[in-house]
């Protein structure tokens, strides 16, 4: 798989069938959400791949991974998930109080 070749070697990276099944479950969950029910399959799969994998990807590999997804779905526009109130508060505290970069 191309991701295995291009990304750094990390113990927690899983590009096997179990990971594919998990991404498909994520895509199904997105599709069942009333907010996304009219969304086309390509943007939905692109978003599922991104949202499921990005938290596991180390910072140096994120641009490479995003580029791989862009190459897989070149014409699909996957909107970002709207952050919850909790996420906004956590980002604010992380940035302003702790002086860290919220990711």
PDB file of N, CA and C in Angstrom:
ATOM      1  N   UNK A   1       0.843  -1.174   0.000  1.00  0.00           N
ATOM      2  CA  UNK A   1       0.000   0.000   0.000  1.00  0.00           C
ATOM      3  C   UNK A   1       0.894   1.244   0.000  1.00  0.00           C
ATOM      4  N   UNK A   2       0.476   2.250  -0.731  1.00  0.00           N
ATOM      5  CA  UNK A   2       1.261   3.468  -0.894  1.00  0.00           C
ATOM      6  C   UNK A   2       1.494   4.192   0.426  1.00  0.00           C
ATOM      7  N   UNK A   3       0.502   4.220   1.286  1.00  0.00           N
ATOM      8  CA  UNK A   3       0.662   4.899   2.580  1.00  0.00           C
ATOM      9  C   UNK A   3       1.755   4.238   3.404  1.00  0.00           C
ATOM     10  N   UNK A   4       1.868   2.945   3.330  1.00  0.00           N
ATOM     11  CA  UNK A   4       2.908   2.215   4.061  1.00  0.00           C
ATOM     12  C   UNK A   4       4.293   2.589   3.542  1.00  0.00           C
ATOM     13  N   UNK A   5       4.405   2.867   2.249  1.00  0.00           N
ATOM     14  CA  UNK A   5       5.686   3.198   1.648  1.00  0.00           C
ATOM     15  C   UNK A   5       6.085   4.655   1.881  1.00  0.00           C
ATOM     16  N   UNK A   6       5.122   5.563   1.849  1.00  0.00           N
ATOM     17  CA  UNK A   6       5.440   6.989   1.927  1.00  0.00           C
ATOM     18  C   UNK A   6       5.533   7.532   3.349  1.00  0.00           C
ATOM     19  N   UNK A   7       4.749   6.987   4.255  1.00  0.00           N
ATOM     20  CA  UNK A   7       4.730   7.505   5.617  1.00  0.00           C
ATOM     21  C   UNK A   7       5.819   6.847   6.453  1.00  0.00           C
ATOM     22  N   UNK A   8       6.202   7.510   7.526  1.00  0.00           N
ATOM     23  CA  UNK A   8       7.235   6.963   8.401  1.00  0.00           C
ATOM     24  C   UNK A   8       6.745   5.670   9.046  1.00  0.00           C
ATOM     25  N   UNK A   9       7.679   4.884   9.522  1.00  0.00           N
ATOM     26  CA  UNK A   9       7.337   3.617  10.172  1.00  0.00           C
ATOM     27  C   UNK A   9       6.938   3.904  11.617  1.00  0.00           C
ATOM     28  N   UNK A  10       5.683   3.657  11.928  1.00  0.00           N
ATOM     29  CA  UNK A  10       5.162   3.855  13.278  1.00  0.00           C
ATOM     30  C   UNK A  10       4.451   2.577  13.707  1.00  0.00           C
ATOM     31  N   UNK A  11       4.653   2.185  14.940  1.00  0.00           N
ATOM     32  CA  UNK A  11       4.025   0.956  15.434  1.00  0.00           C
ATOM     33  C   UNK A  11       2.503   1.021  15.411  1.00  0.00           C
ATOM     34  N   UNK A  12       1.956   2.199  15.651  1.00  0.00           N
ATOM     35  CA  UNK A  12       0.499   2.317  15.755  1.00  0.00           C
ATOM     36  C   UNK A  12      -0.203   2.496  14.414  1.00  0.00           C
ATOM     37  N   UNK A  13       0.539   2.602  13.311  1.00  0.00           N
ATOM     38  CA  UNK A  13      -0.104   2.695  11.997  1.00  0.00           C
ATOM     39  C   UNK A  13      -0.618   1.314  11.605  1.00  0.00           C
ATOM     40  N   UNK A  14      -1.862   1.266  11.191  1.00  0.00           N
ATOM     41  CA  UNK A  14      -2.473   0.015  10.761  1.00  0.00           C
ATOM     42  C   UNK A  14      -3.148   0.263   9.425  1.00  0.00           C
ATOM     43  N   UNK A  15      -2.618  -0.345   8.367  1.00  0.00           N
ATOM     44  CA  UNK A  15      -3.174  -0.147   7.030  1.00  0.00           C
ATOM     45  C   UNK A  15      -3.796  -1.435   6.506  1.00  0.00           C
ATOM     46  N   UNK A  16      -4.118  -2.365   7.383  1.00  0.00           N
ATOM     47  CA  UNK A  16      -4.681  -3.648   6.988  1.00  0.00           C
ATOM     48  C   UNK A  16      -6.185  -3.617   6.807  1.00  0.00           C
ATOM     49  N   UNK A  17      -6.756  -4.804   6.631  1.00  0.00           N
ATOM     50  CA  UNK A  17      -8.196  -4.929   6.393  1.00  0.00           C
ATOM     51  C   UNK A  17      -9.023  -4.460   7.583  1.00  0.00           C
ATOM     52  N   UNK A  18      -8.514  -4.650   8.790  1.00  0.00           N
ATOM     53  CA  UNK A  18      -9.238  -4.190   9.974  1.00  0.00           C
ATOM     54  C   UNK A  18      -9.425  -2.680   9.923  1.00  0.00           C
ATOM     55  N   UNK A  19      -8.400  -1.968   9.484  1.00  0.00           N
ATOM     56  CA  UNK A  19      -8.481  -0.507   9.382  1.00  0.00           C
ATOM     57  C   UNK A  19      -9.468  -0.098   8.286  1.00  0.00           C
ATOM     58  N   UNK A  20      -9.471  -0.832   7.180  1.00  0.00           N
ATOM     59  CA  UNK A  20     -10.408  -0.537   6.090  1.00  0.00           C
ATOM     60  C   UNK A  20     -11.847  -0.718   6.583  1.00  0.00           C
ATOM     61  N   UNK A  21     -12.083  -1.786   7.321  1.00  0.00           N
ATOM     62  CA  UNK A  21     -13.417  -2.042   7.874  1.00  0.00           C
ATOM     63  C   UNK A  21     -13.840  -0.906   8.800  1.00  0.00           C
ATOM     64  N   UNK A  22     -12.919  -0.422   9.607  1.00  0.00           N
ATOM     65  CA  UNK A  22     -13.227   0.674  10.533  1.00  0.00           C
ATOM     66  C   UNK A  22     -13.558   1.957   9.784  1.00  0.00           C
ATOM     67  N   UNK A  23     -12.848   2.227   8.701  1.00  0.00           N
ATOM     68  CA  UNK A  23     -13.128   3.425   7.897  1.00  0.00           C
ATOM     69  C   UNK A  23     -14.493   3.301   7.234  1.00  0.00           C
ATOM     70  N   UNK A  24     -14.832   2.110   6.759  1.00  0.00           N
ATOM     71  CA  UNK A  24     -16.148   1.903   6.150  1.00  0.00           C
ATOM     72  C   UNK A  24     -17.265   2.075   7.177  1.00  0.00           C
ATOM     73  N   UNK A  25     -17.030   1.634   8.392  1.00  0.00           N
ATOM     74  CA  UNK A  25     -18.009   1.870   9.456  1.00  0.00           C
ATOM     75  C   UNK A  25     -18.174   3.366   9.714  1.00  0.00           C
ATOM     76  N   UNK A  26     -17.049   4.070   9.737  1.00  0.00           N
ATOM     77  CA  UNK A  26     -17.081   5.525   9.936  1.00  0.00           C
ATOM     78  C   UNK A  26     -17.872   6.186   8.804  1.00  0.00           C
ATOM     79  N   UNK A  27     -17.647   5.745   7.578  1.00  0.00           N
ATOM     80  CA  UNK A  27     -18.370   6.304   6.431  1.00  0.00           C
ATOM     81  C   UNK A  27     -19.867   6.017   6.548  1.00  0.00           C
ATOM     82  N   UNK A  28     -20.230   4.814   6.978  1.00  0.00           N
ATOM     83  CA  UNK A  28     -21.639   4.477   7.166  1.00  0.00           C
ATOM     84  C   UNK A  28     -22.282   5.347   8.232  1.00  0.00           C
ATOM     85  N   UNK A  29     -21.542   5.593   9.303  1.00  0.00           N
ATOM     86  CA  UNK A  29     -22.048   6.463  10.373  1.00  0.00           C
ATOM     87  C   UNK A  29     -22.277   7.880   9.844  1.00  0.00           C
ATOM     88  N   UNK A  30     -21.336   8.374   9.049  1.00  0.00           N
ATOM     89  CA  UNK A  30     -21.491   9.703   8.450  1.00  0.00           C
ATOM     90  C   UNK A  30     -22.700   9.739   7.524  1.00  0.00           C
ATOM     91  N   UNK A  31     -22.881   8.694   6.725  1.00  0.00           N
ATOM     92  CA  UNK A  31     -23.976   8.648   5.759  1.00  0.00           C
ATOM     93  C   UNK A  31     -25.337   8.617   6.454  1.00  0.00           C
ATOM     94  N   UNK A  32     -25.425   7.954   7.607  1.00  0.00           N
ATOM     95  CA  UNK A  32     -26.690   7.879   8.340  1.00  0.00           C
ATOM     96  C   UNK A  32     -27.029   9.173   9.073  1.00  0.00           C
ATOM     97  N   UNK A  33     -26.063  10.040   9.243  1.00  0.00           N
ATOM     98  CA  UNK A  33     -26.311  11.327   9.895  1.00  0.00           C
ATOM     99  C   UNK A  33     -27.197  12.169   8.980  1.00  0.00           C
ATOM    100  N   UNK A  34     -28.339  12.658   9.493  1.00  0.00           N
ATOM    101  CA  UNK A  34     -29.256  13.444   8.651  1.00  0.00           C
ATOM    102  C   UNK A  34     -28.582  14.652   7.982  1.00  0.00           C
ATOM    103  N   UNK A  35     -27.561  15.179   8.607  1.00  0.00           N
ATOM    104  CA  UNK A  35     -26.850  16.328   8.052  1.00  0.00           C
ATOM    105  C   UNK A  35     -26.091  15.961   6.771  1.00  0.00           C
ATOM    106  N   UNK A  36     -25.722  14.678   6.620  1.00  0.00           N
ATOM    107  CA  UNK A  36     -24.907  14.235   5.486  1.00  0.00           C
ATOM    108  C   UNK A  36     -25.640  13.318   4.518  1.00  0.00           C
ATOM    109  N   UNK A  37     -26.933  13.111   4.698  1.00  0.00           N
ATOM    110  CA  UNK A  37     -27.622  12.085   3.914  1.00  0.00           C
ATOM    111  C   UNK A  37     -27.617  12.348   2.413  1.00  0.00           C
ATOM    112  N   UNK A  38     -27.473  13.585   1.997  1.00  0.00           N
ATOM    113  CA  UNK A  38     -27.450  13.898   0.562  1.00  0.00           C
ATOM    114  C   UNK A  38     -26.027  14.036   0.015  1.00  0.00           C
ATOM    115  N   UNK A  39     -25.034  13.819   0.876  1.00  0.00           N
ATOM    116  CA  UNK A  39     -23.638  13.944   0.465  1.00  0.00           C
ATOM    117  C   UNK A  39     -23.264  12.808  -0.494  1.00  0.00           C
ATOM    118  N   UNK A  40     -22.510  13.126  -1.529  1.00  0.00           N
ATOM    119  CA  UNK A  40     -22.043  12.136  -2.486  1.00  0.00           C
ATOM    120  C   UNK A  40     -21.036  11.192  -1.808  1.00  0.00           C
ATOM    121  N   UNK A  41     -20.806  10.021  -2.420  1.00  0.00           N
ATOM    122  CA  UNK A  41     -19.937   9.013  -1.811  1.00  0.00           C
ATOM    123  C   UNK A  41     -18.478   9.431  -1.736  1.00  0.00           C
ATOM    124  N   UNK A  42     -17.947  10.059  -2.777  1.00  0.00           N
ATOM    125  CA  UNK A  42     -16.531  10.417  -2.768  1.00  0.00           C
ATOM    126  C   UNK A  42     -16.170  11.376  -1.635  1.00  0.00           C
ATOM    127  N   UNK A  43     -16.884  12.494  -1.479  1.00  0.00           N
ATOM    128  CA  UNK A  43     -16.551  13.370  -0.358  1.00  0.00           C
ATOM    129  C   UNK A  43     -16.766  12.698   1.001  1.00  0.00           C
ATOM    130  N   UNK A  44     -17.772  11.834   1.075  1.00  0.00           N
ATOM    131  CA  UNK A  44     -18.044  11.139   2.324  1.00  0.00           C
ATOM    132  C   UNK A  44     -16.901  10.191   2.687  1.00  0.00           C
ATOM    133  N   UNK A  45     -16.420   9.419   1.713  1.00  0.00           N
ATOM    134  CA  UNK A  45     -15.299   8.517   1.965  1.00  0.00           C
ATOM    135  C   UNK A  45     -14.016   9.286   2.262  1.00  0.00           C
ATOM    136  N   UNK A  46     -13.809  10.375   1.562  1.00  0.00           N
ATOM    137  CA  UNK A  46     -12.635  11.208   1.800  1.00  0.00           C
ATOM    138  C   UNK A  46     -12.652  11.730   3.236  1.00  0.00           C
ATOM    139  N   UNK A  47     -13.797  12.199   3.668  1.00  0.00           N
ATOM    140  CA  UNK A  47     -13.926  12.712   5.031  1.00  0.00           C
ATOM    141  C   UNK A  47     -13.738  11.599   6.062  1.00  0.00           C
ATOM    142  N   UNK A  48     -14.308  10.411   5.785  1.00  0.00           N
ATOM    143  CA  UNK A  48     -14.161   9.289   6.709  1.00  0.00           C
ATOM    144  C   UNK A  48     -12.690   8.883   6.841  1.00  0.00           C
ATOM    145  N   UNK A  49     -11.990   8.798   5.730  1.00  0.00           N
ATOM    146  CA  UNK A  49     -10.563   8.469   5.762  1.00  0.00           C
ATOM    147  C   UNK A  49      -9.779   9.496   6.566  1.00  0.00           C
ATOM    148  N   UNK A  50     -10.046  10.752   6.293  1.00  0.00           N
ATOM    149  CA  UNK A  50      -9.338  11.831   6.976  1.00  0.00           C
ATOM    150  C   UNK A  50      -9.652  11.842   8.471  1.00  0.00           C
ATOM    151  N   UNK A  51     -10.937  11.849   8.813  1.00  0.00           N
ATOM    152  CA  UNK A  51     -11.340  11.971  10.211  1.00  0.00           C
ATOM    153  C   UNK A  51     -10.914  10.764  11.046  1.00  0.00           C
ATOM    154  N   UNK A  52     -10.919   9.582  10.447  1.00  0.00           N
ATOM    155  CA  UNK A  52     -10.560   8.380  11.186  1.00  0.00           C
ATOM    156  C   UNK A  52      -9.050   8.261  11.381  1.00  0.00           C
ATOM    157  N   UNK A  53      -8.276   8.674  10.391  1.00  0.00           N
ATOM    158  CA  UNK A  53      -6.829   8.440  10.440  1.00  0.00           C
ATOM    159  C   UNK A  53      -5.997   9.598  10.975  1.00  0.00           C
ATOM    160  N   UNK A  54      -6.411  10.818  10.749  1.00  0.00           N
ATOM    161  CA  UNK A  54      -5.600  11.974  11.152  1.00  0.00           C
ATOM    162  C   UNK A  54      -5.206  11.957  12.629  1.00  0.00           C
ATOM    163  N   UNK A  55      -6.101  11.596  13.558  1.00  0.00           N
ATOM    164  CA  UNK A  55      -5.664  11.582  14.964  1.00  0.00           C
ATOM    165  C   UNK A  55      -4.518  10.610  15.244  1.00  0.00           C
ATOM    166  N   UNK A  56      -4.340   9.607  14.416  1.00  0.00           N
ATOM    167  CA  UNK A  56      -3.285   8.608  14.629  1.00  0.00           C
ATOM    168  C   UNK A  56      -1.972   8.982  13.941  1.00  0.00           C
ATOM    169  N   UNK A  57      -2.023   9.887  12.986  1.00  0.00           N
ATOM    170  CA  UNK A  57      -0.865  10.217  12.163  1.00  0.00           C
ATOM    171  C   UNK A  57       0.042  11.198  12.901  1.00  0.00           C
ATOM    172  N   UNK A  58       1.345  10.932  12.895  1.00  0.00           N
ATOM    173  CA  UNK A  58       2.279  11.867  13.519  1.00  0.00           C
ATOM    174  C   UNK A  58       2.352  13.139  12.678  1.00  0.00           C
ATOM    175  N   UNK A  59       2.731  14.230  13.321  1.00  0.00           N
ATOM    176  CA  UNK A  59       2.692  15.561  12.692  1.00  0.00           C
ATOM    177  C   UNK A  59       3.450  15.612  11.371  1.00  0.00           C
ATOM    178  N   UNK A  60       4.624  15.016  11.302  1.00  0.00           N
ATOM    179  CA  UNK A  60       5.424  15.065  10.066  1.00  0.00           C
ATOM    180  C   UNK A  60       4.766  14.331   8.908  1.00  0.00           C
ATOM    181  N   UNK A  61       3.937  13.347   9.208  1.00  0.00           N
ATOM    182  CA  UNK A  61       3.283  12.558   8.160  1.00  0.00           C
ATOM    183  C   UNK A  61       1.944  13.127   7.702  1.00  0.00           C
ATOM    184  N   UNK A  62       1.390  14.070   8.448  1.00  0.00           N
ATOM    185  CA  UNK A  62       0.058  14.589   8.110  1.00  0.00           C
ATOM    186  C   UNK A  62      -0.020  15.195   6.710  1.00  0.00           C
ATOM    187  N   UNK A  63       0.920  16.058   6.294  1.00  0.00           N
ATOM    188  CA  UNK A  63       0.812  16.601   4.927  1.00  0.00           C
ATOM    189  C   UNK A  63       0.887  15.514   3.851  1.00  0.00           C
ATOM    190  N   UNK A  64       1.684  14.489   4.091  1.00  0.00           N
ATOM    191  CA  UNK A  64       1.800  13.396   3.117  1.00  0.00           C
ATOM    192  C   UNK A  64       0.485  12.632   3.041  1.00  0.00           C
ATOM    193  N   UNK A  65      -0.090  12.352   4.197  1.00  0.00           N
ATOM    194  CA  UNK A  65      -1.355  11.611   4.236  1.00  0.00           C
ATOM    195  C   UNK A  65      -2.481  12.404   3.581  1.00  0.00           C
ATOM    196  N   UNK A  66      -2.551  13.691   3.888  1.00  0.00           N
ATOM    197  CA  UNK A  66      -3.579  14.545   3.280  1.00  0.00           C
ATOM    198  C   UNK A  66      -3.411  14.559   1.760  1.00  0.00           C
ATOM    199  N   UNK A  67      -2.181  14.627   1.295  1.00  0.00           N
ATOM    200  CA  UNK A  67      -1.919  14.630  -0.154  1.00  0.00           C
ATOM    201  C   UNK A  67      -2.351  13.304  -0.793  1.00  0.00           C
ATOM    202  N   UNK A  68      -2.121  12.192  -0.093  1.00  0.00           N
ATOM    203  CA  UNK A  68      -2.565  10.889  -0.600  1.00  0.00           C
ATOM    204  C   UNK A  68      -4.085  10.855  -0.773  1.00  0.00           C
ATOM    205  N   UNK A  69      -4.791  11.379   0.219  1.00  0.00           N
ATOM    206  CA  UNK A  69      -6.251  11.414   0.136  1.00  0.00           C
ATOM    207  C   UNK A  69      -6.694  12.330  -0.996  1.00  0.00           C
ATOM    208  N   UNK A  70      -6.023  13.469  -1.157  1.00  0.00           N
ATOM    209  CA  UNK A  70      -6.341  14.389  -2.260  1.00  0.00           C
ATOM    210  C   UNK A  70      -6.144  13.702  -3.608  1.00  0.00           C
ATOM    211  N   UNK A  71      -5.088  12.894  -3.726  1.00  0.00           N
ATOM    212  CA  UNK A  71      -4.840  12.175  -4.979  1.00  0.00           C
ATOM    213  C   UNK A  71      -5.892  11.095  -5.238  1.00  0.00           C
ATOM    214  N   UNK A  72      -6.387  10.466  -4.171  1.00  0.00           N
ATOM    215  CA  UNK A  72      -7.421   9.440  -4.326  1.00  0.00           C
ATOM    216  C   UNK A  72      -8.758  10.022  -4.755  1.00  0.00           C
ATOM    217  N   UNK A  73      -9.077  11.194  -4.217  1.00  0.00           N
ATOM    218  CA  UNK A  73     -10.357  11.855  -4.486  1.00  0.00           C
ATOM    219  C   UNK A  73     -10.092  13.284  -4.957  1.00  0.00           C
ATOM    220  N   UNK A  74      -9.573  13.456  -6.177  1.00  0.00           N
ATOM    221  CA  UNK A  74      -9.134  14.785  -6.615  1.00  0.00           C
ATOM    222  C   UNK A  74     -10.252  15.819  -6.746  1.00  0.00           C
ATOM    223  N   UNK A  75     -11.447  15.411  -7.072  1.00  0.00           N
ATOM    224  CA  UNK A  75     -12.528  16.371  -7.283  1.00  0.00           C
ATOM    225  C   UNK A  75     -13.523  16.441  -6.127  1.00  0.00           C
ATOM    226  N   UNK A  76     -13.266  15.699  -5.082  1.00  0.00           N
ATOM    227  CA  UNK A  76     -14.192  15.655  -3.945  1.00  0.00           C
ATOM    228  C   UNK A  76     -13.814  16.721  -2.918  1.00  0.00           C
ATOM    229  N   UNK A  77     -14.794  17.473  -2.501  1.00  0.00           N
ATOM    230  CA  UNK A  77     -14.619  18.486  -1.456  1.00  0.00           C
ATOM    231  C   UNK A  77     -15.231  17.954  -0.173  1.00  0.00           C
ATOM    232  N   UNK A  78     -14.391  17.580   0.764  1.00  0.00           N
ATOM    233  CA  UNK A  78     -14.871  17.054   2.047  1.00  0.00           C
ATOM    234  C   UNK A  78     -14.811  18.169   3.076  1.00  0.00           C
ATOM    235  N   UNK A  79     -15.981  18.571   3.534  1.00  0.00           N
ATOM    236  CA  UNK A  79     -16.047  19.638   4.526  1.00  0.00           C
ATOM    237  C   UNK A  79     -15.536  19.130   5.867  1.00  0.00           C
ATOM    238  N   UNK A  80     -14.958  20.043   6.633  1.00  0.00           N
ATOM    239  CA  UNK A  80     -14.518  19.695   7.967  1.00  0.00           C
ATOM    240  C   UNK A  80     -15.717  19.520   8.881  1.00  0.00           C
ATOM    241  N   UNK A  81     -15.542  18.638   9.836  1.00  0.00           N
ATOM    242  CA  UNK A  81     -16.577  18.436  10.845  1.00  0.00           C
ATOM    243  C   UNK A  81     -16.655  19.697  11.692  1.00  0.00           C
ATOM    244  N   UNK A  82     -17.863  20.143  11.987  1.00  0.00           N
ATOM    245  CA  UNK A  82     -18.033  21.338  12.802  1.00  0.00           C
ATOM    246  C   UNK A  82     -17.624  21.025  14.236  1.00  0.00           C
ATOM    247  N   UNK A  83     -16.719  21.833  14.796  1.00  0.00           N
ATOM    248  CA  UNK A  83     -16.268  21.541  16.157  1.00  0.00           C
ATOM    249  C   UNK A  83     -17.381  21.760  17.188  1.00  0.00           C
ATOM    250  N   UNK A  84     -17.407  20.901  18.179  1.00  0.00           N
ATOM    251  CA  UNK A  84     -18.395  21.025  19.252  1.00  0.00           C
ATOM    252  C   UNK A  84     -17.970  22.145  20.201  1.00  0.00           C
ATOM    253  N   UNK A  85     -18.870  22.500  21.100  1.00  0.00           N
ATOM    254  CA  UNK A  85     -18.545  23.534  22.090  1.00  0.00           C
ATOM    255  C   UNK A  85     -17.371  23.083  22.957  1.00  0.00           C
ATOM    256  N   UNK A  86     -17.353  21.800  23.311  1.00  0.00           N
ATOM    257  CA  UNK A  86     -16.268  21.266  24.131  1.00  0.00           C
ATOM    258  C   UNK A  86     -14.933  21.381  23.396  1.00  0.00           C
ATOM    259  N   UNK A  87     -14.929  21.060  22.116  1.00  0.00           N
ATOM    260  CA  UNK A  87     -13.706  21.157  21.325  1.00  0.00           C
ATOM    261  C   UNK A  87     -13.206  22.595  21.285  1.00  0.00           C
ATOM    262  N   UNK A  88     -14.110  23.541  21.093  1.00  0.00           N
ATOM    263  CA  UNK A  88     -13.727  24.953  21.053  1.00  0.00           C
ATOM    264  C   UNK A  88     -13.117  25.399  22.379  1.00  0.00           C
ATOM    265  N   UNK A  89     -13.729  24.976  23.490  1.00  0.00           N
ATOM    266  CA  UNK A  89     -13.211  25.344  24.813  1.00  0.00           C
ATOM    267  C   UNK A  89     -11.834  24.710  25.034  1.00  0.00           C
ATOM    268  N   UNK A  90     -11.694  23.457  24.668  1.00  0.00           N
ATOM    269  CA  UNK A  90     -10.409  22.770  24.829  1.00  0.00           C
ATOM    270  C   UNK A  90      -9.308  23.440  24.001  1.00  0.00           C
ATOM    271  N   UNK A  91      -9.629  23.821  22.777  1.00  0.00           N
ATOM    272  CA  UNK A  91      -8.648  24.505  21.934  1.00  0.00           C
ATOM    273  C   UNK A  91      -8.254  25.846  22.533  1.00  0.00           C
ATOM    274  N   UNK A  92      -9.222  26.562  23.064  1.00  0.00           N
ATOM    275  CA  UNK A  92      -8.953  27.861  23.668  1.00  0.00           C
ATOM    276  C   UNK A  92      -8.037  27.719  24.885  1.00  0.00           C
ATOM    277  N   UNK A  93      -8.345  26.776  25.751  1.00  0.00           N
ATOM    278  CA  UNK A  93      -7.525  26.550  26.947  1.00  0.00           C
ATOM    279  C   UNK A  93      -6.121  26.081  26.549  1.00  0.00           C
ATOM    280  N   UNK A  94      -6.063  25.174  25.597  1.00  0.00           N
ATOM    281  CA  UNK A  94      -4.777  24.650  25.158  1.00  0.00           C
ATOM    282  C   UNK A  94      -3.895  25.773  24.617  1.00  0.00           C
ATOM    283  N   UNK A  95      -4.476  26.621  23.803  1.00  0.00           N
ATOM    284  CA  UNK A  95      -3.712  27.692  23.164  1.00  0.00           C
ATOM    285  C   UNK A  95      -3.405  28.834  24.132  1.00  0.00           C
ATOM    286  N   UNK A  96      -4.422  29.359  24.785  1.00  0.00           N
ATOM    287  CA  UNK A  96      -4.248  30.568  25.592  1.00  0.00           C
ATOM    288  C   UNK A  96      -3.667  30.308  26.968  1.00  0.00           C
ATOM    289  N   UNK A  97      -4.147  29.296  27.661  1.00  0.00           N
ATOM    290  CA  UNK A  97      -3.714  29.046  29.025  1.00  0.00           C
ATOM    291  C   UNK A  97      -2.411  28.250  29.090  1.00  0.00           C
ATOM    292  N   UNK A  98      -2.353  27.208  28.255  1.00  0.00           N
ATOM    293  CA  UNK A  98      -1.207  26.303  28.322  1.00  0.00           C
ATOM    294  C   UNK A  98      -0.094  26.688  27.352  1.00  0.00           C
ATOM    295  N   UNK A  99      -0.405  27.542  26.377  1.00  0.00           N
ATOM    296  CA  UNK A  99       0.600  27.967  25.403  1.00  0.00           C
ATOM    297  C   UNK A  99       0.980  26.880  24.414  1.00  0.00           C
ATOM    298  N   UNK A 100       0.096  25.927  24.204  1.00  0.00           N
ATOM    299  CA  UNK A 100       0.358  24.819  23.273  1.00  0.00           C
ATOM    300  C   UNK A 100      -0.411  25.027  21.980  1.00  0.00           C
ATOM    301  N   UNK A 101      -0.086  24.240  20.995  1.00  0.00           N
ATOM    302  CA  UNK A 101      -0.775  24.300  19.710  1.00  0.00           C
ATOM    303  C   UNK A 101      -1.862  23.233  19.720  1.00  0.00           C
ATOM    304  N   UNK A 102      -3.128  23.636  19.659  1.00  0.00           N
ATOM    305  CA  UNK A 102      -4.205  22.630  19.649  1.00  0.00           C
ATOM    306  C   UNK A 102      -4.231  21.886  18.322  1.00  0.00           C
ATOM    307  N   UNK A 103      -4.271  20.577  18.407  1.00  0.00           N
ATOM    308  CA  UNK A 103      -4.267  19.792  17.184  1.00  0.00           C
ATOM    309  C   UNK A 103      -5.321  18.742  17.238  1.00  0.00           C
TER     310      UNK A 103
END
